[in-house]
Protein backbone atom coordinates (compact mmCIF):
# COMPACT_ATOMS: atom_id res chain seq x y z
CA UNK A 1 -11.40 43.35 -43.67
CA UNK A 2 -7.94 41.87 -41.90
CA UNK A 3 -6.67 40.67 -38.91
CA UNK A 4 -4.36 42.07 -35.82
CA UNK A 5 -0.32 42.84 -37.05
CA UNK A 6 -1.77 42.83 -40.83
CA UNK A 7 -1.10 46.24 -43.43
CA UNK A 8 -4.11 47.94 -44.69
CA UNK A 9 -4.23 48.10 -48.42
CA UNK A 10 -2.90 51.53 -48.17
CA UNK A 11 -5.09 54.37 -49.26
CA UNK A 12 -4.18 57.60 -50.76
CA UNK A 13 -6.21 60.84 -51.81
CA UNK A 14 -5.21 64.41 -53.07
CA UNK A 15 -7.15 67.61 -51.29
CA UNK A 16 -7.65 70.49 -53.40
CA UNK A 17 -10.46 74.04 -52.98
CA UNK A 18 -9.50 75.89 -50.22
CA UNK A 19 -8.38 72.54 -48.39
CA UNK A 20 -4.59 73.28 -46.74
CA UNK A 21 -4.74 69.95 -44.42
CA UNK A 22 -6.68 66.99 -43.40
CA UNK A 23 -7.41 65.96 -39.69
CA UNK A 24 -8.66 61.85 -39.40
CA UNK A 25 -10.46 60.93 -36.84
CA UNK A 26 -11.54 56.64 -35.57
CA UNK A 27 -8.04 55.22 -37.55
CA UNK A 28 -7.52 51.80 -35.71
CA UNK A 29 -4.08 52.27 -32.77
CA UNK A 30 -1.33 52.20 -35.35
CA UNK A 31 -3.01 52.89 -38.18
CA UNK A 32 -1.87 56.17 -39.46
CA UNK A 33 -2.45 59.51 -42.65
CA UNK A 34 0.92 60.67 -44.36
CA UNK A 35 1.62 63.64 -46.25
CA UNK A 36 3.23 61.98 -49.76
CA UNK A 37 3.33 64.95 -51.66
CA UNK A 38 1.99 68.70 -52.05
CA UNK A 39 -1.79 68.51 -51.06
CA UNK A 40 -1.70 64.04 -51.20
CA UNK A 41 -1.53 61.45 -48.67
CA UNK A 42 -2.33 57.52 -47.29
CA UNK A 43 -3.72 56.04 -44.90
CA UNK A 44 -1.43 53.47 -44.10
CA UNK A 45 0.09 50.72 -41.52
CA UNK A 46 -0.86 47.62 -39.30
CA UNK A 47 -3.65 48.31 -36.65
CA UNK A 48 -1.86 46.65 -33.26
CA UNK A 49 -4.72 46.46 -31.11
CA UNK A 50 -5.82 44.47 -27.96
CA UNK A 51 -9.59 42.95 -28.87
CA UNK A 52 -11.29 39.75 -28.25
CA UNK A 53 -13.28 39.59 -31.03
CA UNK A 54 -14.38 41.28 -34.51
CA UNK A 55 -14.40 45.15 -34.46
CA UNK A 56 -15.59 47.63 -36.94
CA UNK A 57 -13.59 50.71 -36.93
CA UNK A 58 -14.99 53.12 -38.61
CA UNK A 59 -13.61 56.24 -39.67
CA UNK A 60 -13.74 59.81 -41.00
CA UNK A 61 -10.62 62.23 -42.59
CA UNK A 62 -11.86 65.87 -42.70
CA UNK A 63 -10.00 68.50 -45.36
CA UNK A 64 -8.80 71.65 -43.17
CA UNK A 65 -7.92 75.50 -43.53
CA UNK A 66 -10.05 76.87 -46.12
CA UNK A 67 -9.18 80.67 -45.75
CA UNK A 68 -12.55 81.75 -47.47
CA UNK A 69 -14.72 79.92 -44.72
CA UNK A 70 -16.53 77.49 -47.22
CA UNK A 71 -17.29 74.24 -46.78
CA UNK A 72 -14.71 71.52 -45.30
CA UNK A 73 -15.11 68.29 -47.73
CA UNK A 74 -15.02 64.45 -46.09
CA UNK A 75 -14.39 60.65 -46.82
CA UNK A 76 -15.62 57.89 -45.19
CA UNK A 77 -14.63 54.23 -44.38
CA UNK A 78 -13.81 51.57 -42.32
CA UNK A 79 -11.56 48.52 -41.08
CA UNK A 80 -13.15 45.15 -39.34
CA UNK A 81 -9.79 43.87 -37.28
CA UNK A 82 -10.38 40.08 -36.66
CA UNK A 83 -8.54 38.73 -33.64
CA UNK A 84 -6.04 36.09 -33.92
CA UNK A 85 -6.68 32.61 -32.57
CA UNK A 86 -6.04 32.11 -28.74
CA UNK A 87 -5.96 28.89 -26.50
CA UNK A 88 -5.55 28.33 -23.10
CA UNK A 89 -6.26 25.11 -20.61
CA UNK A 90 -8.81 25.12 -18.22
CA UNK A 91 -6.85 25.02 -14.41
CA UNK A 92 -10.15 23.64 -12.80
CA UNK A 93 -9.94 20.38 -15.13
CA UNK A 94 -7.67 17.66 -15.93
CA UNK A 95 -3.60 18.29 -15.96
CA UNK A 96 -2.29 19.13 -19.78
CA UNK A 97 0.49 16.13 -18.72
CA UNK A 98 -1.69 13.07 -17.46
CA UNK A 99 -0.33 9.66 -16.67
CA UNK A 100 -2.52 6.17 -16.36
CA UNK A 101 -2.88 2.35 -16.77
CA UNK A 102 -3.27 0.40 -19.88
CA UNK A 103 -6.11 -1.79 -19.72
CA UNK A 104 -10.43 -0.93 -19.24
CA UNK A 105 -10.65 -0.22 -15.72
CA UNK A 106 -12.07 3.69 -15.23
CA UNK A 107 -9.89 3.68 -12.09
CA UNK A 108 -6.74 3.83 -13.33
CA UNK A 109 -7.21 3.37 -16.90
CA UNK A 110 -9.39 6.86 -17.75
CA UNK A 111 -7.77 10.32 -18.39
CA UNK A 112 -9.68 12.90 -16.09
CA UNK A 113 -11.11 14.98 -18.50
CA UNK A 114 -8.96 18.08 -20.40
CA UNK A 115 -10.59 21.11 -21.71
CA UNK A 116 -9.67 24.13 -22.69
CA UNK A 117 -10.97 27.72 -23.74
CA UNK A 118 -10.96 29.15 -27.09
CA UNK A 119 -10.68 32.87 -27.55
CA UNK A 120 -10.15 35.32 -29.97
CA UNK A 121 -10.74 35.35 -33.72
CA UNK A 122 -10.84 30.59 -32.70
CA UNK A 123 -14.22 29.22 -33.57
CA UNK A 124 -13.20 25.06 -33.68
CA UNK A 125 -10.05 23.55 -33.50
CA UNK A 126 -8.80 19.62 -33.65
CA UNK A 127 -6.11 17.43 -32.06
CA UNK A 128 -3.66 15.03 -33.33
CA UNK A 129 -1.21 12.72 -31.82
CA UNK A 130 -3.85 11.03 -29.41
CA UNK A 131 -3.69 7.73 -28.27
CA UNK A 132 -6.28 5.37 -29.66
CA UNK A 133 -9.51 4.96 -27.98
CA UNK A 134 -9.52 8.91 -26.93
CA UNK A 135 -12.61 11.21 -27.36
CA UNK A 136 -13.18 14.75 -28.15
CA UNK A 137 -15.61 16.84 -28.07
CA UNK A 138 -16.56 21.15 -28.81
CA UNK A 139 -19.37 23.09 -27.34
CA UNK A 140 -19.65 26.28 -29.78
CA UNK A 141 -21.66 27.63 -27.38
CA UNK A 142 -18.86 28.33 -24.67
CA UNK A 143 -16.54 27.14 -26.59
CA UNK A 144 -14.45 24.48 -24.40
CA UNK A 145 -12.46 22.01 -26.25
CA UNK A 146 -12.37 18.58 -23.80
CA UNK A 147 -10.11 15.46 -24.12
CA UNK A 148 -11.87 12.09 -22.57
CA UNK A 149 -11.93 8.81 -22.45
CA UNK A 150 -9.91 5.20 -21.78
CA UNK A 151 -6.61 4.79 -24.35
CA UNK A 152 -7.24 1.44 -25.82
CA UNK A 153 -3.54 0.88 -27.16
CA UNK A 154 -1.44 -2.14 -26.62
CA UNK A 155 2.03 -1.21 -24.55
CA UNK A 156 5.25 -3.00 -23.58
CA UNK A 157 6.47 -0.20 -22.48
CA UNK A 158 5.52 3.39 -21.06
CA UNK A 159 4.81 4.97 -24.23
CA UNK A 160 4.15 8.87 -24.11
CA UNK A 161 1.66 10.75 -26.67
CA UNK A 162 2.18 13.77 -27.31
CA UNK A 163 -0.53 15.91 -28.64
CA UNK A 164 -1.29 19.22 -29.79
CA UNK A 165 -4.91 20.96 -30.68
CA UNK A 166 -4.62 23.63 -33.54
CA UNK A 167 -7.55 26.17 -33.38
CA UNK A 168 -9.10 27.28 -36.37
CA UNK A 169 -10.01 30.73 -37.67
CA UNK A 170 -10.10 34.08 -39.66
CA UNK A 171 -7.02 35.09 -38.76
CA UNK A 172 -3.48 33.58 -36.94
CA UNK A 173 -3.74 30.04 -35.59
CA UNK A 174 -3.13 28.85 -31.89
CA UNK A 175 -2.19 26.03 -30.43
CA UNK A 176 -2.15 23.87 -27.07
CA UNK A 177 -0.27 20.81 -26.16
CA UNK A 178 0.19 18.11 -23.43
CA UNK A 179 1.19 14.50 -22.80
CA UNK A 180 -0.83 11.80 -22.00
CA UNK A 181 1.56 8.67 -20.98
CA UNK A 182 0.60 4.86 -20.96
CA UNK A 183 1.87 2.23 -18.96
CA UNK A 184 1.33 -1.38 -19.46
CA UNK A 185 0.01 -3.56 -17.58
CA UNK A 186 2.66 -6.56 -15.79
CA UNK A 187 1.52 -9.08 -18.26
CA UNK A 188 1.93 -13.25 -18.26
CA UNK A 189 1.47 -15.01 -21.30
CA UNK A 190 0.91 -19.14 -21.87
CA UNK A 191 3.55 -20.29 -23.48
CA UNK A 192 2.59 -24.07 -22.23
CA UNK A 193 -0.52 -25.62 -23.68
CA UNK A 194 -3.99 -24.36 -21.84
CA UNK A 195 -4.39 -27.93 -21.10
CA UNK A 196 -1.41 -27.38 -18.28
CA UNK A 197 -3.53 -25.26 -16.48
CA UNK A 198 -6.66 -28.76 -15.58
CA UNK A 199 -4.46 -30.91 -14.60
CA UNK A 200 -5.29 -34.36 -12.86
CA UNK A 201 -2.53 -36.20 -11.38
CA UNK A 202 -1.12 -39.07 -8.84
CA UNK A 203 -0.24 -37.86 -6.09
CA UNK A 204 3.92 -38.87 -5.72
CA UNK A 205 3.69 -38.04 -9.17
CA UNK A 206 5.16 -34.80 -11.05
CA UNK A 207 2.67 -32.00 -12.45
CA UNK A 208 3.98 -31.17 -16.45
CA UNK A 209 5.59 -28.21 -15.82
CA UNK A 210 2.97 -24.65 -17.13
CA UNK A 211 5.34 -21.98 -17.62
CA UNK A 212 4.92 -18.25 -18.26
CA UNK A 213 6.61 -15.27 -20.10
CA UNK A 214 6.52 -11.99 -17.81
CA UNK A 215 5.56 -8.68 -20.73
CA UNK A 216 4.58 -5.25 -20.29
CA UNK A 217 5.81 -4.39 -17.07
CA UNK A 218 5.86 -7.74 -14.89
CA UNK A 219 9.64 -8.16 -13.33
CA UNK A 220 8.66 -10.90 -12.13
CA UNK A 221 5.04 -13.17 -10.61
CA UNK A 222 3.56 -15.12 -7.00
CA UNK A 223 1.64 -17.83 -7.37
CA UNK A 224 -0.93 -19.21 -4.45
CA UNK A 225 -3.19 -22.17 -4.07
CA UNK A 226 -1.03 -24.94 -5.46
CA UNK A 227 -0.18 -28.54 -3.66
CA UNK A 228 2.38 -28.88 -1.27
CA UNK A 229 5.81 -29.78 -3.48
CA UNK A 230 4.62 -27.77 -5.80
CA UNK A 231 6.06 -23.88 -6.63
CA UNK A 232 6.84 -21.60 -8.72
CA UNK A 233 9.98 -21.25 -9.91
CA UNK A 234 12.36 -18.62 -9.76
CA UNK A 235 12.48 -15.85 -13.55
CA UNK A 236 15.02 -17.79 -15.88
CA UNK A 237 14.99 -15.72 -18.98
CA UNK A 238 11.78 -13.79 -19.14
CA UNK A 239 10.15 -17.23 -18.21
CA UNK A 240 8.12 -18.89 -15.00
CA UNK A 241 7.67 -22.44 -14.24
CA UNK A 242 5.53 -24.08 -11.73
CA UNK A 243 7.18 -27.47 -11.46
CA UNK A 244 7.04 -30.29 -8.73
CA UNK A 245 5.60 -32.99 -7.26
CA UNK A 246 2.34 -33.14 -5.09
CA UNK A 247 3.40 -34.14 -1.72
CA UNK A 248 -0.26 -34.99 0.42
CA UNK A 249 -0.38 -38.34 1.42
CA UNK A 250 -4.13 -37.85 0.94
CA UNK A 251 -6.91 -40.41 1.16
CA UNK A 252 -9.18 -38.73 -1.36
CA UNK A 253 -8.68 -36.80 -4.36
CA UNK A 254 -8.19 -33.34 -3.56
CA UNK A 255 -8.82 -30.47 -5.84
CA UNK A 256 -5.88 -26.85 -5.67
CA UNK A 257 -7.09 -23.85 -7.58
CA UNK A 258 -4.37 -21.78 -7.56
CA UNK A 259 -3.46 -18.02 -9.02
CA UNK A 260 -1.31 -17.59 -10.60
CA UNK A 261 -0.03 -13.06 -10.65
CA UNK A 262 2.30 -11.09 -12.21
CA UNK A 263 3.43 -8.74 -10.07
CA UNK A 264 6.61 -6.13 -9.68
CA UNK A 265 5.46 -3.31 -12.50
CA UNK A 266 5.34 -1.13 -9.22
CA UNK A 267 3.17 1.65 -11.64
CA UNK A 268 -0.45 1.02 -9.96
CA UNK A 269 -0.97 -0.93 -13.32
CA UNK A 270 -3.13 -3.64 -13.53
CA UNK A 271 -1.13 -6.60 -12.91
CA UNK A 272 -2.77 -9.96 -14.67
CA UNK A 273 -4.15 -12.66 -12.89
CA UNK A 274 -4.31 -16.43 -14.46
CA UNK A 275 -6.53 -19.41 -12.53
CA UNK A 276 -6.18 -23.07 -12.75
CA UNK A 277 -6.40 -26.73 -10.86
CA UNK A 278 -4.81 -28.61 -9.91
CA UNK A 279 -6.49 -32.51 -8.21
CA UNK A 280 -4.52 -35.01 -7.19
CA UNK A 281 -5.60 -37.84 -6.69
CA UNK A 282 -4.71 -40.32 -3.97
CA UNK A 283 -2.17 -43.00 -4.29
CA UNK A 284 -3.41 -47.22 -4.10
CA UNK A 285 -2.68 -48.30 -0.32
CA UNK A 286 -2.42 -51.63 1.23
CA UNK A 287 -1.56 -52.83 4.52
CA UNK A 288 -2.06 -54.93 6.34
CA UNK A 289 -4.13 -54.94 9.92
CA UNK A 290 -3.56 -58.79 11.32
CA UNK A 291 -0.40 -59.75 13.30
CA UNK A 292 1.85 -59.20 11.08
CA UNK A 293 2.72 -62.83 12.01
CA UNK A 294 -0.11 -63.45 9.89
CA UNK A 295 1.84 -62.74 6.66
CA UNK A 296 3.91 -66.31 7.33
CA UNK A 297 2.44 -69.03 8.72
CA UNK A 298 2.83 -73.01 8.40
CA UNK A 299 -0.12 -75.27 8.34
CA UNK A 300 -0.41 -79.45 8.36
CA UNK A 301 -2.72 -80.98 6.04
CA UNK A 302 -5.35 -82.57 8.79
CA UNK A 303 -8.72 -82.50 9.93
CA UNK A 304 -7.58 -80.90 12.72
CA UNK A 305 -8.42 -77.06 12.50
CA UNK A 306 -5.74 -76.12 14.94
CA UNK A 307 -3.74 -77.87 12.84
CA UNK A 308 -4.68 -77.31 9.19
CA UNK A 309 -6.28 -73.70 9.96
CA UNK A 310 -5.38 -70.32 8.59
CA UNK A 311 -5.23 -67.52 10.93
CA UNK A 312 -7.27 -64.63 8.75
CA UNK A 313 -4.81 -62.73 7.70
CA UNK A 314 -6.64 -59.20 7.03
CA UNK A 315 -5.37 -56.34 4.14
CA UNK A 316 -7.06 -52.72 4.47
CA UNK A 317 -7.42 -50.34 0.99
CA UNK A 318 -7.28 -47.12 1.13
CA UNK A 319 -6.28 -43.68 -1.26
CA UNK A 320 -7.36 -44.48 -4.41
CA UNK A 321 -7.69 -48.31 -3.77
CA UNK A 322 -11.21 -50.17 -5.04
CA UNK A 323 -9.76 -53.37 -5.24
CA UNK A 324 -6.71 -56.19 -5.10
CA UNK A 325 -5.47 -59.36 -7.26
CA UNK A 326 -3.98 -62.02 -5.42
CA UNK A 327 -1.92 -64.51 -6.63
CA UNK A 328 -0.16 -67.73 -5.79
CA UNK A 329 -2.85 -68.54 -2.82
CA UNK A 330 -2.83 -72.63 -1.75
CA UNK A 331 -5.84 -74.11 -3.05
CA UNK A 332 -8.82 -73.26 -0.95
CA UNK A 333 -7.48 -70.83 0.51
CA UNK A 334 -9.50 -67.59 -1.19
CA UNK A 335 -10.22 -63.79 -0.28
CA UNK A 336 -12.95 -62.63 0.61
CA UNK A 337 -14.14 -58.54 0.15
CA UNK A 338 -16.12 -56.18 2.63
CA UNK A 339 -16.74 -53.38 0.69
CA UNK A 340 -17.78 -51.45 3.82
CA UNK A 341 -14.51 -51.13 5.27
CA UNK A 342 -12.66 -51.52 2.09
CA UNK A 343 -11.16 -55.18 3.59
CA UNK A 344 -9.75 -58.39 2.28
CA UNK A 345 -9.76 -61.31 4.45
CA UNK A 346 -7.81 -64.59 3.51
CA UNK A 347 -9.25 -67.91 5.02
CA UNK A 348 -9.11 -71.61 4.43
CA UNK A 349 -7.74 -75.06 5.12
CA UNK A 350 -4.85 -76.80 4.54
CA UNK A 351 -6.81 -80.28 3.48
CA UNK A 352 -5.20 -80.94 -0.29
CA UNK A 353 -2.29 -83.31 0.37
CA UNK A 354 0.94 -82.29 -0.49
CA UNK A 355 3.39 -84.47 -2.09
CA UNK A 356 6.05 -82.46 0.11
CA UNK A 357 6.27 -79.55 2.30
CA UNK A 358 5.29 -76.67 0.10
CA UNK A 359 5.58 -73.14 0.14
CA UNK A 360 3.36 -70.19 -1.35
CA UNK A 361 4.44 -67.06 -2.33
CA UNK A 362 1.22 -64.92 -2.83
CA UNK A 363 0.95 -61.40 -3.65
CA UNK A 364 -1.40 -58.92 -3.30
CA UNK A 365 -1.61 -55.81 -5.78
CA UNK A 366 -4.50 -53.19 -5.75
CA UNK A 367 -6.16 -51.73 -8.64
CA UNK A 368 -7.17 -47.90 -8.81
CA UNK A 369 -6.18 -44.75 -11.01
CA UNK A 370 -2.82 -43.71 -9.64
CA UNK A 371 0.41 -47.16 -9.04
CA UNK A 372 -0.44 -50.07 -7.91
CA UNK A 373 0.93 -51.51 -4.33
CA UNK A 374 2.00 -54.96 -3.75
CA UNK A 375 1.96 -56.59 -0.78
CA UNK A 376 3.56 -60.06 -0.56
CA UNK A 377 3.21 -63.55 2.10
CA UNK A 378 3.66 -66.59 2.22
CA UNK A 379 1.95 -70.12 3.25
CA UNK A 380 3.93 -73.29 4.10
CA UNK A 381 1.85 -76.53 4.29
């Protein structure tokens, strides 16, 4: 038993009697009988044959030249020659050179199955150099070796994985190989606290900055859904920042659901997305809805209403205002609140004597979630 191209162990023999020479039959190509002396011969060489499976060569060596017509002598033997391993890429399967994306989306991360066909003496194969996550299979009936699956590696730069398939068999092994390139996703890493992704702020108050680092193939980012006045700032170093002051002038709480997407990878791979919410609460608002002159009135102490009655002063609450606090009103002058329309009315009569003309400067200050607002006026008695 031997492999293609492997030297046989020499077979030496001697002829005698009436024999003068020999003839051979069935030796494999490149294996020959040569004379080595008087009546001595040797079978030697190395078989050079084109075979794809183990092949038996049975041979016979017979003496010749007996001049007396006697029976010639002979002997027989055999060589089993095994082919070298063979391996070839199946061109109908996936390319030996493929680029896929990092991640788990089979559309962009799964390789097209790569298949190799074994031949010759190859009975199995193994592979080295594949990225983690890729799998192999071997069909013994068809002698096909396949590579398939989704790489599970995490990469920050485009990374080549050069793989080599090596056959196993009786004789010389064969190899084949290729390259799987894994491109990174465009990624974002939140630098600030997780809580910054969900904030509640008052209108006209600055949000807490939200910062991300660009990772992988990301070179920039885009944001959608941010409140007016809040923006995604340009990249500084490798960091992007969402900052700003909401400017809604809204009367009701408003929730803005925003997304930040890593961009600029240019390789067709996934772009990582972060989502968050910014709730903008309305600022406290208060406005005078009675005549402007009502906030500066002069009354006389009298039982005559035309002289002593205050012209009603009316304030309208809006925005985040839920109530108001009044300070500095003259005795007997009281605000009343109508919750149905969020209005305060100040009424009263100057019936309490004062020693001299007295000015009462009053303030109206709102209460609510956000910054208080104050209105002022004066009543002179």
